């Protein structure tokens, strides 16, 4: 039993966490300063999933997916932090409930697209 608990603890510490990431500033858009962790980007064909964050009154860390072929994006997970740094809310959206939206010009989503999709040859 102790071995199983020790194994679970080891696995937990080996899993990647968005808080231990290397965040790169991509610009200021409407509600704050946006950062992306390109190292978290996982590609499956034309689909890329990655973490980004925005710093404002309530900082957010968000797991997002972009469909590079169709220029659509959606949010999969979100963590919203209060000004004191404590967790205010956590959201996970199941696959069948994802809401895909078009990438708007001059937006953070357009910048993510440029960084993650254009380098892969998408227009």
Protein backbone atom coordinates (compact mmCIF):
# COMPACT_ATOMS: atom_id res chain seq x y z
CA UNK A 1 0.00 0.00 0.00
CA UNK A 2 2.86 2.41 0.83
CA UNK A 3 4.42 1.71 -2.55
CA UNK A 4 1.19 2.66 -4.34
CA UNK A 5 0.92 5.91 -2.39
CA UNK A 6 4.57 6.71 -3.08
CA UNK A 7 4.06 5.95 -6.79
CA UNK A 8 1.02 8.26 -6.95
CA UNK A 9 2.97 11.05 -5.26
CA UNK A 10 5.89 10.60 -7.70
CA UNK A 11 3.57 10.70 -10.71
CA UNK A 12 1.89 13.85 -9.38
CA UNK A 13 5.22 15.66 -9.13
CA UNK A 14 6.29 14.56 -12.62
CA UNK A 15 3.15 15.83 -14.37
CA UNK A 16 3.59 19.21 -16.15
CA UNK A 17 1.90 22.09 -14.38
CA UNK A 18 0.97 25.41 -15.99
CA UNK A 19 2.38 27.30 -12.99
CA UNK A 20 5.91 26.00 -13.59
CA UNK A 21 6.03 27.20 -17.16
CA UNK A 22 8.15 29.62 -19.13
CA UNK A 23 5.75 32.43 -20.01
CA UNK A 24 6.50 34.70 -23.00
CA UNK A 25 4.82 38.10 -23.31
CA UNK A 26 2.80 38.38 -26.54
CA UNK A 27 1.09 41.76 -26.11
CA UNK A 28 -1.52 43.84 -24.33
CA UNK A 29 -5.08 43.31 -25.44
CA UNK A 30 -8.34 44.79 -24.05
CA UNK A 31 -8.26 43.39 -20.53
CA UNK A 32 -4.57 42.97 -19.72
CA UNK A 33 -1.10 41.70 -20.56
CA UNK A 34 -1.08 38.31 -22.30
CA UNK A 35 1.56 35.58 -22.06
CA UNK A 36 1.90 32.20 -23.73
CA UNK A 37 3.80 29.08 -22.81
CA UNK A 38 4.78 27.74 -26.23
CA UNK A 39 6.50 24.76 -24.63
CA UNK A 40 3.09 23.38 -23.61
CA UNK A 41 1.87 23.33 -27.24
CA UNK A 42 0.72 19.86 -28.30
CA UNK A 43 -0.18 19.30 -31.96
CA UNK A 44 -2.59 16.72 -33.36
CA UNK A 45 -2.76 17.43 -37.06
CA UNK A 46 -4.22 20.93 -37.51
CA UNK A 47 -5.22 21.13 -33.82
CA UNK A 48 -2.91 22.69 -31.22
CA UNK A 49 -3.59 22.86 -27.48
CA UNK A 50 -1.55 25.13 -25.18
CA UNK A 51 -1.58 27.28 -22.02
CA UNK A 52 -1.75 31.09 -21.87
CA UNK A 53 -2.33 33.61 -19.13
CA UNK A 54 -3.48 37.19 -18.74
CA UNK A 55 -2.45 39.52 -15.94
CA UNK A 56 -5.05 42.03 -14.79
CA UNK A 57 -7.16 42.49 -11.63
CA UNK A 58 -7.98 38.76 -11.76
CA UNK A 59 -5.14 36.81 -13.31
CA UNK A 60 -6.16 33.83 -15.44
CA UNK A 61 -4.34 30.73 -16.69
CA UNK A 62 -6.18 29.09 -19.54
CA UNK A 63 -5.78 25.92 -21.60
CA UNK A 64 -6.89 26.67 -25.15
CA UNK A 65 -7.18 24.77 -28.41
CA UNK A 66 -6.86 26.27 -31.88
CA UNK A 67 -7.99 24.61 -35.09
CA UNK A 68 -5.29 25.99 -37.41
CA UNK A 69 -7.09 24.83 -40.54
CA UNK A 70 -10.43 26.53 -39.77
CA UNK A 71 -9.06 29.49 -37.74
CA UNK A 72 -11.26 28.68 -34.75
CA UNK A 73 -10.40 28.50 -31.04
CA UNK A 74 -11.94 27.29 -27.80
CA UNK A 75 -11.21 27.21 -24.07
CA UNK A 76 -10.77 23.82 -22.37
CA UNK A 77 -9.68 24.71 -18.82
CA UNK A 78 -9.40 27.94 -16.89
CA UNK A 79 -8.05 28.96 -13.50
CA UNK A 80 -8.98 32.41 -12.23
CA UNK A 81 -6.94 33.89 -9.41
CA UNK A 82 -7.98 36.63 -6.98
CA UNK A 83 -5.79 39.73 -6.51
CA UNK A 84 -4.20 38.10 -3.43
CA UNK A 85 -3.09 35.13 -5.59
CA UNK A 86 -5.55 32.61 -4.18
CA UNK A 87 -7.64 30.50 -6.53
CA UNK A 88 -11.02 32.10 -7.21
CA UNK A 89 -12.45 29.59 -9.69
CA UNK A 90 -11.53 26.59 -11.80
CA UNK A 91 -13.41 25.53 -14.93
CA UNK A 92 -13.11 22.41 -17.09
CA UNK A 93 -15.19 22.16 -20.27
CA UNK A 94 -15.92 18.69 -21.58
CA UNK A 95 -15.31 18.00 -25.26
CA UNK A 96 -18.95 17.91 -26.36
CA UNK A 97 -19.64 21.32 -24.78
CA UNK A 98 -16.75 23.21 -26.35
CA UNK A 99 -17.75 26.48 -28.01
CA UNK A 100 -15.57 27.18 -31.02
CA UNK A 101 -15.28 30.84 -32.05
CA UNK A 102 -13.60 32.59 -34.96
CA UNK A 103 -10.22 34.20 -34.42
CA UNK A 104 -10.81 37.96 -34.37
CA UNK A 105 -8.33 40.35 -36.00
CA UNK A 106 -5.97 42.22 -33.65
CA UNK A 107 -6.75 39.88 -30.76
CA UNK A 108 -4.72 37.64 -28.47
CA UNK A 109 -6.18 34.66 -30.38
CA UNK A 110 -4.78 36.05 -33.63
CA UNK A 111 -1.36 36.38 -31.99
CA UNK A 112 -1.54 32.75 -30.73
CA UNK A 113 -2.49 31.69 -34.27
CA UNK A 114 0.52 33.54 -35.70
CA UNK A 115 2.88 31.94 -33.17
CA UNK A 116 1.54 28.39 -33.26
CA UNK A 117 -0.11 27.85 -36.65
CA UNK A 118 1.72 30.00 -39.16
CA UNK A 119 5.03 28.37 -38.23
CA UNK A 120 3.39 25.11 -39.31
CA UNK A 121 2.49 26.49 -42.75
CA UNK A 122 -1.11 27.58 -42.17
CA UNK A 123 -2.06 30.89 -43.84
